[in-house]
Amino acid sequence: GSGECNNYPLLEHIAQFGKPVILS
């Protein structure tokens, strides 16, 4: 979600899963 777009610690955590992401 848009609110998490600049939540870089959370993005880093999700990126580690290696799954495609749709980013608002």
PDBML (XML) file of the C-alpha atoms, coordinates in Angstrom:
<?xml version="1.0" encoding="UTF-8" ?>
<PDBx:datablock datablockName="MODEL"
   xmlns:PDBx="http://pdbml.pdb.org/schema/pdbx-v50.xsd"
   xmlns:xsi="http://www.w3.org/2001/XMLSchema-instance"
   xsi:schemaLocation="http://pdbml.pdb.org/schema/pdbx-v50.xsd pdbx-v50.xsd">
   <PDBx:atom_siteCategory>
      <PDBx:atom_site id="1">
         <PDBx:B_iso_or_equiv>0.00</PDBx:B_iso_or_equiv>
         <PDBx:Cartn_x>0.000</PDBx:Cartn_x>
         <PDBx:Cartn_y>0.000</PDBx:Cartn_y>
         <PDBx:Cartn_z>0.000</PDBx:Cartn_z>
         <PDBx:auth_asym_id>A</PDBx:auth_asym_id>
         <PDBx:auth_atom_id>CA</PDBx:auth_atom_id>
         <PDBx:auth_comp_id>GLY</PDBx:auth_comp_id>
         <PDBx:auth_seq_id>1</PDBx:auth_seq_id>
         <PDBx:group_PDB>ATOM</PDBx:group_PDB>
         <PDBx:label_alt_id xsi:nil="true" />
         <PDBx:label_asym_id>A</PDBx:label_asym_id>
         <PDBx:label_atom_id>CA</PDBx:label_atom_id>
         <PDBx:label_comp_id>GLY</PDBx:label_comp_id>
         <PDBx:label_entity_id>1</PDBx:label_entity_id>
         <PDBx:label_seq_id>1</PDBx:label_seq_id>
         <PDBx:occupancy>1.00</PDBx:occupancy>
         <PDBx:pdbx_PDB_model_num>1</PDBx:pdbx_PDB_model_num>
         <PDBx:type_symbol>C</PDBx:type_symbol>
      </PDBx:atom_site>
      <PDBx:atom_site id="2">
         <PDBx:B_iso_or_equiv>0.00</PDBx:B_iso_or_equiv>
         <PDBx:Cartn_x>0.926</PDBx:Cartn_x>
         <PDBx:Cartn_y>3.649</PDBx:Cartn_y>
         <PDBx:Cartn_z>-0.446</PDBx:Cartn_z>
         <PDBx:auth_asym_id>A</PDBx:auth_asym_id>
         <PDBx:auth_atom_id>CA</PDBx:auth_atom_id>
         <PDBx:auth_comp_id>SER</PDBx:auth_comp_id>
         <PDBx:auth_seq_id>2</PDBx:auth_seq_id>
         <PDBx:group_PDB>ATOM</PDBx:group_PDB>
         <PDBx:label_alt_id xsi:nil="true" />
         <PDBx:label_asym_id>A</PDBx:label_asym_id>
         <PDBx:label_atom_id>CA</PDBx:label_atom_id>
         <PDBx:label_comp_id>SER</PDBx:label_comp_id>
         <PDBx:label_entity_id>1</PDBx:label_entity_id>
         <PDBx:label_seq_id>2</PDBx:label_seq_id>
         <PDBx:occupancy>1.00</PDBx:occupancy>
         <PDBx:pdbx_PDB_model_num>1</PDBx:pdbx_PDB_model_num>
         <PDBx:type_symbol>C</PDBx:type_symbol>
      </PDBx:atom_site>
      <PDBx:atom_site id="3">
         <PDBx:B_iso_or_equiv>0.00</PDBx:B_iso_or_equiv>
         <PDBx:Cartn_x>1.427</PDBx:Cartn_x>
         <PDBx:Cartn_y>4.096</PDBx:Cartn_y>
         <PDBx:Cartn_z>3.295</PDBx:Cartn_z>
         <PDBx:auth_asym_id>A</PDBx:auth_asym_id>
         <PDBx:auth_atom_id>CA</PDBx:auth_atom_id>
         <PDBx:auth_comp_id>GLY</PDBx:auth_comp_id>
         <PDBx:auth_seq_id>3</PDBx:auth_seq_id>
         <PDBx:group_PDB>ATOM</PDBx:group_PDB>
         <PDBx:label_alt_id xsi:nil="true" />
         <PDBx:label_asym_id>A</PDBx:label_asym_id>
         <PDBx:label_atom_id>CA</PDBx:label_atom_id>
         <PDBx:label_comp_id>GLY</PDBx:label_comp_id>
         <PDBx:label_entity_id>1</PDBx:label_entity_id>
         <PDBx:label_seq_id>3</PDBx:label_seq_id>
         <PDBx:occupancy>1.00</PDBx:occupancy>
         <PDBx:pdbx_PDB_model_num>1</PDBx:pdbx_PDB_model_num>
         <PDBx:type_symbol>C</PDBx:type_symbol>
      </PDBx:atom_site>
      <PDBx:atom_site id="4">
         <PDBx:B_iso_or_equiv>0.00</PDBx:B_iso_or_equiv>
         <PDBx:Cartn_x>4.172</PDBx:Cartn_x>
         <PDBx:Cartn_y>1.461</PDBx:Cartn_y>
         <PDBx:Cartn_z>3.204</PDBx:Cartn_z>
         <PDBx:auth_asym_id>A</PDBx:auth_asym_id>
         <PDBx:auth_atom_id>CA</PDBx:auth_atom_id>
         <PDBx:auth_comp_id>GLU</PDBx:auth_comp_id>
         <PDBx:auth_seq_id>4</PDBx:auth_seq_id>
         <PDBx:group_PDB>ATOM</PDBx:group_PDB>
         <PDBx:label_alt_id xsi:nil="true" />
         <PDBx:label_asym_id>A</PDBx:label_asym_id>
         <PDBx:label_atom_id>CA</PDBx:label_atom_id>
         <PDBx:label_comp_id>GLU</PDBx:label_comp_id>
         <PDBx:label_entity_id>1</PDBx:label_entity_id>
         <PDBx:label_seq_id>4</PDBx:label_seq_id>
         <PDBx:occupancy>1.00</PDBx:occupancy>
         <PDBx:pdbx_PDB_model_num>1</PDBx:pdbx_PDB_model_num>
         <PDBx:type_symbol>C</PDBx:type_symbol>
      </PDBx:atom_site>
      <PDBx:atom_site id="5">
         <PDBx:B_iso_or_equiv>0.00</PDBx:B_iso_or_equiv>
         <PDBx:Cartn_x>5.857</PDBx:Cartn_x>
         <PDBx:Cartn_y>2.768</PDBx:Cartn_y>
         <PDBx:Cartn_z>0.028</PDBx:Cartn_z>
         <PDBx:auth_asym_id>A</PDBx:auth_asym_id>
         <PDBx:auth_atom_id>CA</PDBx:auth_atom_id>
         <PDBx:auth_comp_id>CYS</PDBx:auth_comp_id>
         <PDBx:auth_seq_id>5</PDBx:auth_seq_id>
         <PDBx:group_PDB>ATOM</PDBx:group_PDB>
         <PDBx:label_alt_id xsi:nil="true" />
         <PDBx:label_asym_id>A</PDBx:label_asym_id>
         <PDBx:label_atom_id>CA</PDBx:label_atom_id>
         <PDBx:label_comp_id>CYS</PDBx:label_comp_id>
         <PDBx:label_entity_id>1</PDBx:label_entity_id>
         <PDBx:label_seq_id>5</PDBx:label_seq_id>
         <PDBx:occupancy>1.00</PDBx:occupancy>
         <PDBx:pdbx_PDB_model_num>1</PDBx:pdbx_PDB_model_num>
         <PDBx:type_symbol>C</PDBx:type_symbol>
      </PDBx:atom_site>
      <PDBx:atom_site id="6">
         <PDBx:B_iso_or_equiv>0.00</PDBx:B_iso_or_equiv>
         <PDBx:Cartn_x>8.422</PDBx:Cartn_x>
         <PDBx:Cartn_y>4.655</PDBx:Cartn_y>
         <PDBx:Cartn_z>2.099</PDBx:Cartn_z>
         <PDBx:auth_asym_id>A</PDBx:auth_asym_id>
         <PDBx:auth_atom_id>CA</PDBx:auth_atom_id>
         <PDBx:auth_comp_id>ASN</PDBx:auth_comp_id>
         <PDBx:auth_seq_id>6</PDBx:auth_seq_id>
         <PDBx:group_PDB>ATOM</PDBx:group_PDB>
         <PDBx:label_alt_id xsi:nil="true" />
         <PDBx:label_asym_id>A</PDBx:label_asym_id>
         <PDBx:label_atom_id>CA</PDBx:label_atom_id>
         <PDBx:label_comp_id>ASN</PDBx:label_comp_id>
         <PDBx:label_entity_id>1</PDBx:label_entity_id>
         <PDBx:label_seq_id>6</PDBx:label_seq_id>
         <PDBx:occupancy>1.00</PDBx:occupancy>
         <PDBx:pdbx_PDB_model_num>1</PDBx:pdbx_PDB_model_num>
         <PDBx:type_symbol>C</PDBx:type_symbol>
      </PDBx:atom_site>
      <PDBx:atom_site id="7">
         <PDBx:B_iso_or_equiv>0.00</PDBx:B_iso_or_equiv>
         <PDBx:Cartn_x>8.512</PDBx:Cartn_x>
         <PDBx:Cartn_y>2.099</PDBx:Cartn_y>
         <PDBx:Cartn_z>4.919</PDBx:Cartn_z>
         <PDBx:auth_asym_id>A</PDBx:auth_asym_id>
         <PDBx:auth_atom_id>CA</PDBx:auth_atom_id>
         <PDBx:auth_comp_id>ASN</PDBx:auth_comp_id>
         <PDBx:auth_seq_id>7</PDBx:auth_seq_id>
         <PDBx:group_PDB>ATOM</PDBx:group_PDB>
         <PDBx:label_alt_id xsi:nil="true" />
         <PDBx:label_asym_id>A</PDBx:label_asym_id>
         <PDBx:label_atom_id>CA</PDBx:label_atom_id>
         <PDBx:label_comp_id>ASN</PDBx:label_comp_id>
         <PDBx:label_entity_id>1</PDBx:label_entity_id>
         <PDBx:label_seq_id>7</PDBx:label_seq_id>
         <PDBx:occupancy>1.00</PDBx:occupancy>
         <PDBx:pdbx_PDB_model_num>1</PDBx:pdbx_PDB_model_num>
         <PDBx:type_symbol>C</PDBx:type_symbol>
      </PDBx:atom_site>
      <PDBx:atom_site id="8">
         <PDBx:B_iso_or_equiv>0.00</PDBx:B_iso_or_equiv>
         <PDBx:Cartn_x>11.896</PDBx:Cartn_x>
         <PDBx:Cartn_y>0.871</PDBx:Cartn_y>
         <PDBx:Cartn_z>3.727</PDBx:Cartn_z>
         <PDBx:auth_asym_id>A</PDBx:auth_asym_id>
         <PDBx:auth_atom_id>CA</PDBx:auth_atom_id>
         <PDBx:auth_comp_id>TYR</PDBx:auth_comp_id>
         <PDBx:auth_seq_id>8</PDBx:auth_seq_id>
         <PDBx:group_PDB>ATOM</PDBx:group_PDB>
         <PDBx:label_alt_id xsi:nil="true" />
         <PDBx:label_asym_id>A</PDBx:label_asym_id>
         <PDBx:label_atom_id>CA</PDBx:label_atom_id>
         <PDBx:label_comp_id>TYR</PDBx:label_comp_id>
         <PDBx:label_entity_id>1</PDBx:label_entity_id>
         <PDBx:label_seq_id>8</PDBx:label_seq_id>
         <PDBx:occupancy>1.00</PDBx:occupancy>
         <PDBx:pdbx_PDB_model_num>1</PDBx:pdbx_PDB_model_num>
         <PDBx:type_symbol>C</PDBx:type_symbol>
      </PDBx:atom_site>
      <PDBx:atom_site id="9">
         <PDBx:B_iso_or_equiv>0.00</PDBx:B_iso_or_equiv>
         <PDBx:Cartn_x>12.524</PDBx:Cartn_x>
         <PDBx:Cartn_y>-1.598</PDBx:Cartn_y>
         <PDBx:Cartn_z>6.601</PDBx:Cartn_z>
         <PDBx:auth_asym_id>A</PDBx:auth_asym_id>
         <PDBx:auth_atom_id>CA</PDBx:auth_atom_id>
         <PDBx:auth_comp_id>PRO</PDBx:auth_comp_id>
         <PDBx:auth_seq_id>9</PDBx:auth_seq_id>
         <PDBx:group_PDB>ATOM</PDBx:group_PDB>
         <PDBx:label_alt_id xsi:nil="true" />
         <PDBx:label_asym_id>A</PDBx:label_asym_id>
         <PDBx:label_atom_id>CA</PDBx:label_atom_id>
         <PDBx:label_comp_id>PRO</PDBx:label_comp_id>
         <PDBx:label_entity_id>1</PDBx:label_entity_id>
         <PDBx:label_seq_id>9</PDBx:label_seq_id>
         <PDBx:occupancy>1.00</PDBx:occupancy>
         <PDBx:pdbx_PDB_model_num>1</PDBx:pdbx_PDB_model_num>
         <PDBx:type_symbol>C</PDBx:type_symbol>
      </PDBx:atom_site>
      <PDBx:atom_site id="10">
         <PDBx:B_iso_or_equiv>0.00</PDBx:B_iso_or_equiv>
         <PDBx:Cartn_x>9.250</PDBx:Cartn_x>
         <PDBx:Cartn_y>-3.384</PDBx:Cartn_y>
         <PDBx:Cartn_z>5.743</PDBx:Cartn_z>
         <PDBx:auth_asym_id>A</PDBx:auth_asym_id>
         <PDBx:auth_atom_id>CA</PDBx:auth_atom_id>
         <PDBx:auth_comp_id>LEU</PDBx:auth_comp_id>
         <PDBx:auth_seq_id>10</PDBx:auth_seq_id>
         <PDBx:group_PDB>ATOM</PDBx:group_PDB>
         <PDBx:label_alt_id xsi:nil="true" />
         <PDBx:label_asym_id>A</PDBx:label_asym_id>
         <PDBx:label_atom_id>CA</PDBx:label_atom_id>
         <PDBx:label_comp_id>LEU</PDBx:label_comp_id>
         <PDBx:label_entity_id>1</PDBx:label_entity_id>
         <PDBx:label_seq_id>10</PDBx:label_seq_id>
         <PDBx:occupancy>1.00</PDBx:occupancy>
         <PDBx:pdbx_PDB_model_num>1</PDBx:pdbx_PDB_model_num>
         <PDBx:type_symbol>C</PDBx:type_symbol>
      </PDBx:atom_site>
      <PDBx:atom_site id="11">
         <PDBx:B_iso_or_equiv>0.00</PDBx:B_iso_or_equiv>
         <PDBx:Cartn_x>10.004</PDBx:Cartn_x>
         <PDBx:Cartn_y>-3.279</PDBx:Cartn_y>
         <PDBx:Cartn_z>1.986</PDBx:Cartn_z>
         <PDBx:auth_asym_id>A</PDBx:auth_asym_id>
         <PDBx:auth_atom_id>CA</PDBx:auth_atom_id>
         <PDBx:auth_comp_id>LEU</PDBx:auth_comp_id>
         <PDBx:auth_seq_id>11</PDBx:auth_seq_id>
         <PDBx:group_PDB>ATOM</PDBx:group_PDB>
         <PDBx:label_alt_id xsi:nil="true" />
         <PDBx:label_asym_id>A</PDBx:label_asym_id>
         <PDBx:label_atom_id>CA</PDBx:label_atom_id>
         <PDBx:label_comp_id>LEU</PDBx:label_comp_id>
         <PDBx:label_entity_id>1</PDBx:label_entity_id>
         <PDBx:label_seq_id>11</PDBx:label_seq_id>
         <PDBx:occupancy>1.00</PDBx:occupancy>
         <PDBx:pdbx_PDB_model_num>1</PDBx:pdbx_PDB_model_num>
         <PDBx:type_symbol>C</PDBx:type_symbol>
      </PDBx:atom_site>
      <PDBx:atom_site id="12">
         <PDBx:B_iso_or_equiv>0.00</PDBx:B_iso_or_equiv>
         <PDBx:Cartn_x>13.425</PDBx:Cartn_x>
         <PDBx:Cartn_y>-4.784</PDBx:Cartn_y>
         <PDBx:Cartn_z>2.684</PDBx:Cartn_z>
         <PDBx:auth_asym_id>A</PDBx:auth_asym_id>
         <PDBx:auth_atom_id>CA</PDBx:auth_atom_id>
         <PDBx:auth_comp_id>GLU</PDBx:auth_comp_id>
         <PDBx:auth_seq_id>12</PDBx:auth_seq_id>
         <PDBx:group_PDB>ATOM</PDBx:group_PDB>
         <PDBx:label_alt_id xsi:nil="true" />
         <PDBx:label_asym_id>A</PDBx:label_asym_id>
         <PDBx:label_atom_id>CA</PDBx:label_atom_id>
         <PDBx:label_comp_id>GLU</PDBx:label_comp_id>
         <PDBx:label_entity_id>1</PDBx:label_entity_id>
         <PDBx:label_seq_id>12</PDBx:label_seq_id>
         <PDBx:occupancy>1.00</PDBx:occupancy>
         <PDBx:pdbx_PDB_model_num>1</PDBx:pdbx_PDB_model_num>
         <PDBx:type_symbol>C</PDBx:type_symbol>
      </PDBx:atom_site>
      <PDBx:atom_site id="13">
         <PDBx:B_iso_or_equiv>0.00</PDBx:B_iso_or_equiv>
         <PDBx:Cartn_x>11.749</PDBx:Cartn_x>
         <PDBx:Cartn_y>-7.556</PDBx:Cartn_y>
         <PDBx:Cartn_z>4.685</PDBx:Cartn_z>
         <PDBx:auth_asym_id>A</PDBx:auth_asym_id>
         <PDBx:auth_atom_id>CA</PDBx:auth_atom_id>
         <PDBx:auth_comp_id>HIS</PDBx:auth_comp_id>
         <PDBx:auth_seq_id>13</PDBx:auth_seq_id>
         <PDBx:group_PDB>ATOM</PDBx:group_PDB>
         <PDBx:label_alt_id xsi:nil="true" />
         <PDBx:label_asym_id>A</PDBx:label_asym_id>
         <PDBx:label_atom_id>CA</PDBx:label_atom_id>
         <PDBx:label_comp_id>HIS</PDBx:label_comp_id>
         <PDBx:label_entity_id>1</PDBx:label_entity_id>
         <PDBx:label_seq_id>13</PDBx:label_seq_id>
         <PDBx:occupancy>1.00</PDBx:occupancy>
         <PDBx:pdbx_PDB_model_num>1</PDBx:pdbx_PDB_model_num>
         <PDBx:type_symbol>C</PDBx:type_symbol>
      </PDBx:atom_site>
      <PDBx:atom_site id="14">
         <PDBx:B_iso_or_equiv>0.00</PDBx:B_iso_or_equiv>
         <PDBx:Cartn_x>9.230</PDBx:Cartn_x>
         <PDBx:Cartn_y>-8.312</PDBx:Cartn_y>
         <PDBx:Cartn_z>1.899</PDBx:Cartn_z>
         <PDBx:auth_asym_id>A</PDBx:auth_asym_id>
         <PDBx:auth_atom_id>CA</PDBx:auth_atom_id>
         <PDBx:auth_comp_id>ILE</PDBx:auth_comp_id>
         <PDBx:auth_seq_id>14</PDBx:auth_seq_id>
         <PDBx:group_PDB>ATOM</PDBx:group_PDB>
         <PDBx:label_alt_id xsi:nil="true" />
         <PDBx:label_asym_id>A</PDBx:label_asym_id>
         <PDBx:label_atom_id>CA</PDBx:label_atom_id>
         <PDBx:label_comp_id>ILE</PDBx:label_comp_id>
         <PDBx:label_entity_id>1</PDBx:label_entity_id>
         <PDBx:label_seq_id>14</PDBx:label_seq_id>
         <PDBx:occupancy>1.00</PDBx:occupancy>
         <PDBx:pdbx_PDB_model_num>1</PDBx:pdbx_PDB_model_num>
         <PDBx:type_symbol>C</PDBx:type_symbol>
      </PDBx:atom_site>
      <PDBx:atom_site id="15">
         <PDBx:B_iso_or_equiv>0.00</PDBx:B_iso_or_equiv>
         <PDBx:Cartn_x>11.875</PDBx:Cartn_x>
         <PDBx:Cartn_y>-8.130</PDBx:Cartn_y>
         <PDBx:Cartn_z>-0.847</PDBx:Cartn_z>
         <PDBx:auth_asym_id>A</PDBx:auth_asym_id>
         <PDBx:auth_atom_id>CA</PDBx:auth_atom_id>
         <PDBx:auth_comp_id>ALA</PDBx:auth_comp_id>
         <PDBx:auth_seq_id>15</PDBx:auth_seq_id>
         <PDBx:group_PDB>ATOM</PDBx:group_PDB>
         <PDBx:label_alt_id xsi:nil="true" />
         <PDBx:label_asym_id>A</PDBx:label_asym_id>
         <PDBx:label_atom_id>CA</PDBx:label_atom_id>
         <PDBx:label_comp_id>ALA</PDBx:label_comp_id>
         <PDBx:label_entity_id>1</PDBx:label_entity_id>
         <PDBx:label_seq_id>15</PDBx:label_seq_id>
         <PDBx:occupancy>1.00</PDBx:occupancy>
         <PDBx:pdbx_PDB_model_num>1</PDBx:pdbx_PDB_model_num>
         <PDBx:type_symbol>C</PDBx:type_symbol>
      </PDBx:atom_site>
      <PDBx:atom_site id="16">
         <PDBx:B_iso_or_equiv>0.00</PDBx:B_iso_or_equiv>
         <PDBx:Cartn_x>13.740</PDBx:Cartn_x>
         <PDBx:Cartn_y>-11.009</PDBx:Cartn_y>
         <PDBx:Cartn_z>0.800</PDBx:Cartn_z>
         <PDBx:auth_asym_id>A</PDBx:auth_asym_id>
         <PDBx:auth_atom_id>CA</PDBx:auth_atom_id>
         <PDBx:auth_comp_id>GLN</PDBx:auth_comp_id>
         <PDBx:auth_seq_id>16</PDBx:auth_seq_id>
         <PDBx:group_PDB>ATOM</PDBx:group_PDB>
         <PDBx:label_alt_id xsi:nil="true" />
         <PDBx:label_asym_id>A</PDBx:label_asym_id>
         <PDBx:label_atom_id>CA</PDBx:label_atom_id>
         <PDBx:label_comp_id>GLN</PDBx:label_comp_id>
         <PDBx:label_entity_id>1</PDBx:label_entity_id>
         <PDBx:label_seq_id>16</PDBx:label_seq_id>
         <PDBx:occupancy>1.00</PDBx:occupancy>
         <PDBx:pdbx_PDB_model_num>1</PDBx:pdbx_PDB_model_num>
         <PDBx:type_symbol>C</PDBx:type_symbol>
      </PDBx:atom_site>
      <PDBx:atom_site id="17">
         <PDBx:B_iso_or_equiv>0.00</PDBx:B_iso_or_equiv>
         <PDBx:Cartn_x>10.844</PDBx:Cartn_x>
         <PDBx:Cartn_y>-13.322</PDBx:Cartn_y>
         <PDBx:Cartn_z>-0.080</PDBx:Cartn_z>
         <PDBx:auth_asym_id>A</PDBx:auth_asym_id>
         <PDBx:auth_atom_id>CA</PDBx:auth_atom_id>
         <PDBx:auth_comp_id>PHE</PDBx:auth_comp_id>
         <PDBx:auth_seq_id>17</PDBx:auth_seq_id>
         <PDBx:group_PDB>ATOM</PDBx:group_PDB>
         <PDBx:label_alt_id xsi:nil="true" />
         <PDBx:label_asym_id>A</PDBx:label_asym_id>
         <PDBx:label_atom_id>CA</PDBx:label_atom_id>
         <PDBx:label_comp_id>PHE</PDBx:label_comp_id>
         <PDBx:label_entity_id>1</PDBx:label_entity_id>
         <PDBx:label_seq_id>17</PDBx:label_seq_id>
         <PDBx:occupancy>1.00</PDBx:occupancy>
         <PDBx:pdbx_PDB_model_num>1</PDBx:pdbx_PDB_model_num>
         <PDBx:type_symbol>C</PDBx:type_symbol>
      </PDBx:atom_site>
      <PDBx:atom_site id="18">
         <PDBx:B_iso_or_equiv>0.00</PDBx:B_iso_or_equiv>
         <PDBx:Cartn_x>11.691</PDBx:Cartn_x>
         <PDBx:Cartn_y>-12.905</PDBx:Cartn_y>
         <PDBx:Cartn_z>-3.778</PDBx:Cartn_z>
         <PDBx:auth_asym_id>A</PDBx:auth_asym_id>
         <PDBx:auth_atom_id>CA</PDBx:auth_atom_id>
         <PDBx:auth_comp_id>GLY</PDBx:auth_comp_id>
         <PDBx:auth_seq_id>18</PDBx:auth_seq_id>
         <PDBx:group_PDB>ATOM</PDBx:group_PDB>
         <PDBx:label_alt_id xsi:nil="true" />
         <PDBx:label_asym_id>A</PDBx:label_asym_id>
         <PDBx:label_atom_id>CA</PDBx:label_atom_id>
         <PDBx:label_comp_id>GLY</PDBx:label_comp_id>
         <PDBx:label_entity_id>1</PDBx:label_entity_id>
         <PDBx:label_seq_id>18</PDBx:label_seq_id>
         <PDBx:occupancy>1.00</PDBx:occupancy>
         <PDBx:pdbx_PDB_model_num>1</PDBx:pdbx_PDB_model_num>
         <PDBx:type_symbol>C</PDBx:type_symbol>
      </PDBx:atom_site>
      <PDBx:atom_site id="19">
         <PDBx:B_iso_or_equiv>0.00</PDBx:B_iso_or_equiv>
         <PDBx:Cartn_x>8.040</PDBx:Cartn_x>
         <PDBx:Cartn_y>-12.696</PDBx:Cartn_y>
         <PDBx:Cartn_z>-4.885</PDBx:Cartn_z>
         <PDBx:auth_asym_id>A</PDBx:auth_asym_id>
         <PDBx:auth_atom_id>CA</PDBx:auth_atom_id>
         <PDBx:auth_comp_id>LYS</PDBx:auth_comp_id>
         <PDBx:auth_seq_id>19</PDBx:auth_seq_id>
         <PDBx:group_PDB>ATOM</PDBx:group_PDB>
         <PDBx:label_alt_id xsi:nil="true" />
         <PDBx:label_asym_id>A</PDBx:label_asym_id>
         <PDBx:label_atom_id>CA</PDBx:label_atom_id>
         <PDBx:label_comp_id>LYS</PDBx:label_comp_id>
         <PDBx:label_entity_id>1</PDBx:label_entity_id>
         <PDBx:label_seq_id>19</PDBx:label_seq_id>
         <PDBx:occupancy>1.00</PDBx:occupancy>
         <PDBx:pdbx_PDB_model_num>1</PDBx:pdbx_PDB_model_num>
         <PDBx:type_symbol>C</PDBx:type_symbol>
      </PDBx:atom_site>
      <PDBx:atom_site id="20">
         <PDBx:B_iso_or_equiv>0.00</PDBx:B_iso_or_equiv>
         <PDBx:Cartn_x>6.702</PDBx:Cartn_x>
         <PDBx:Cartn_y>-10.165</PDBx:Cartn_y>
         <PDBx:Cartn_z>-7.436</PDBx:Cartn_z>
         <PDBx:auth_asym_id>A</PDBx:auth_asym_id>
         <PDBx:auth_atom_id>CA</PDBx:auth_atom_id>
         <PDBx:auth_comp_id>PRO</PDBx:auth_comp_id>
         <PDBx:auth_seq_id>20</PDBx:auth_seq_id>
         <PDBx:group_PDB>ATOM</PDBx:group_PDB>
         <PDBx:label_alt_id xsi:nil="true" />
         <PDBx:label_asym_id>A</PDBx:label_asym_id>
         <PDBx:label_atom_id>CA</PDBx:label_atom_id>
         <PDBx:label_comp_id>PRO</PDBx:label_comp_id>
         <PDBx:label_entity_id>1</PDBx:label_entity_id>
         <PDBx:label_seq_id>20</PDBx:label_seq_id>
         <PDBx:occupancy>1.00</PDBx:occupancy>
         <PDBx:pdbx_PDB_model_num>1</PDBx:pdbx_PDB_model_num>
         <PDBx:type_symbol>C</PDBx:type_symbol>
      </PDBx:atom_site>
      <PDBx:atom_site id="21">
         <PDBx:B_iso_or_equiv>0.00</PDBx:B_iso_or_equiv>
         <PDBx:Cartn_x>5.486</PDBx:Cartn_x>
         <PDBx:Cartn_y>-6.919</PDBx:Cartn_y>
         <PDBx:Cartn_z>-5.889</PDBx:Cartn_z>
         <PDBx:auth_asym_id>A</PDBx:auth_asym_id>
         <PDBx:auth_atom_id>CA</PDBx:auth_atom_id>
         <PDBx:auth_comp_id>VAL</PDBx:auth_comp_id>
         <PDBx:auth_seq_id>21</PDBx:auth_seq_id>
         <PDBx:group_PDB>ATOM</PDBx:group_PDB>
         <PDBx:label_alt_id xsi:nil="true" />
         <PDBx:label_asym_id>A</PDBx:label_asym_id>
         <PDBx:label_atom_id>CA</PDBx:label_atom_id>
         <PDBx:label_comp_id>VAL</PDBx:label_comp_id>
         <PDBx:label_entity_id>1</PDBx:label_entity_id>
         <PDBx:label_seq_id>21</PDBx:label_seq_id>
         <PDBx:occupancy>1.00</PDBx:occupancy>
         <PDBx:pdbx_PDB_model_num>1</PDBx:pdbx_PDB_model_num>
         <PDBx:type_symbol>C</PDBx:type_symbol>
      </PDBx:atom_site>
      <PDBx:atom_site id="22">
         <PDBx:B_iso_or_equiv>0.00</PDBx:B_iso_or_equiv>
         <PDBx:Cartn_x>2.796</PDBx:Cartn_x>
         <PDBx:Cartn_y>-4.435</PDBx:Cartn_y>
         <PDBx:Cartn_z>-6.924</PDBx:Cartn_z>
         <PDBx:auth_asym_id>A</PDBx:auth_asym_id>
         <PDBx:auth_atom_id>CA</PDBx:auth_atom_id>
         <PDBx:auth_comp_id>ILE</PDBx:auth_comp_id>
         <PDBx:auth_seq_id>22</PDBx:auth_seq_id>
         <PDBx:group_PDB>ATOM</PDBx:group_PDB>
         <PDBx:label_alt_id xsi:nil="true" />
         <PDBx:label_asym_id>A</PDBx:label_asym_id>
         <PDBx:label_atom_id>CA</PDBx:label_atom_id>
         <PDBx:label_comp_id>ILE</PDBx:label_comp_id>
         <PDBx:label_entity_id>1</PDBx:label_entity_id>
         <PDBx:label_seq_id>22</PDBx:label_seq_id>
         <PDBx:occupancy>1.00</PDBx:occupancy>
         <PDBx:pdbx_PDB_model_num>1</PDBx:pdbx_PDB_model_num>
         <PDBx:type_symbol>C</PDBx:type_symbol>
      </PDBx:atom_site>
      <PDBx:atom_site id="23">
         <PDBx:B_iso_or_equiv>0.00</PDBx:B_iso_or_equiv>
         <PDBx:Cartn_x>3.639</PDBx:Cartn_x>
         <PDBx:Cartn_y>-1.157</PDBx:Cartn_y>
         <PDBx:Cartn_z>-5.206</PDBx:Cartn_z>
         <PDBx:auth_asym_id>A</PDBx:auth_asym_id>
         <PDBx:auth_atom_id>CA</PDBx:auth_atom_id>
         <PDBx:auth_comp_id>LEU</PDBx:auth_comp_id>
         <PDBx:auth_seq_id>23</PDBx:auth_seq_id>
         <PDBx:group_PDB>ATOM</PDBx:group_PDB>
         <PDBx:label_alt_id xsi:nil="true" />
         <PDBx:label_asym_id>A</PDBx:label_asym_id>
         <PDBx:label_atom_id>CA</PDBx:label_atom_id>
         <PDBx:label_comp_id>LEU</PDBx:label_comp_id>
         <PDBx:label_entity_id>1</PDBx:label_entity_id>
         <PDBx:label_seq_id>23</PDBx:label_seq_id>
         <PDBx:occupancy>1.00</PDBx:occupancy>
         <PDBx:pdbx_PDB_model_num>1</PDBx:pdbx_PDB_model_num>
         <PDBx:type_symbol>C</PDBx:type_symbol>
      </PDBx:atom_site>
      <PDBx:atom_site id="24">
         <PDBx:B_iso_or_equiv>0.00</PDBx:B_iso_or_equiv>
         <PDBx:Cartn_x>1.192</PDBx:Cartn_x>
         <PDBx:Cartn_y>1.700</PDBx:Cartn_y>
         <PDBx:Cartn_z>-4.696</PDBx:Cartn_z>
         <PDBx:auth_asym_id>A</PDBx:auth_asym_id>
         <PDBx:auth_atom_id>CA</PDBx:auth_atom_id>
         <PDBx:auth_comp_id>SER</PDBx:auth_comp_id>
         <PDBx:auth_seq_id>24</PDBx:auth_seq_id>
         <PDBx:group_PDB>ATOM</PDBx:group_PDB>
         <PDBx:label_alt_id xsi:nil="true" />
         <PDBx:label_asym_id>A</PDBx:label_asym_id>
         <PDBx:label_atom_id>CA</PDBx:label_atom_id>
         <PDBx:label_comp_id>SER</PDBx:label_comp_id>
         <PDBx:label_entity_id>1</PDBx:label_entity_id>
         <PDBx:label_seq_id>24</PDBx:label_seq_id>
         <PDBx:occupancy>1.00</PDBx:occupancy>
         <PDBx:pdbx_PDB_model_num>1</PDBx:pdbx_PDB_model_num>
         <PDBx:type_symbol>C</PDBx:type_symbol>
      </PDBx:atom_site>
   </PDBx:atom_siteCategory>
</PDBx:datablock>
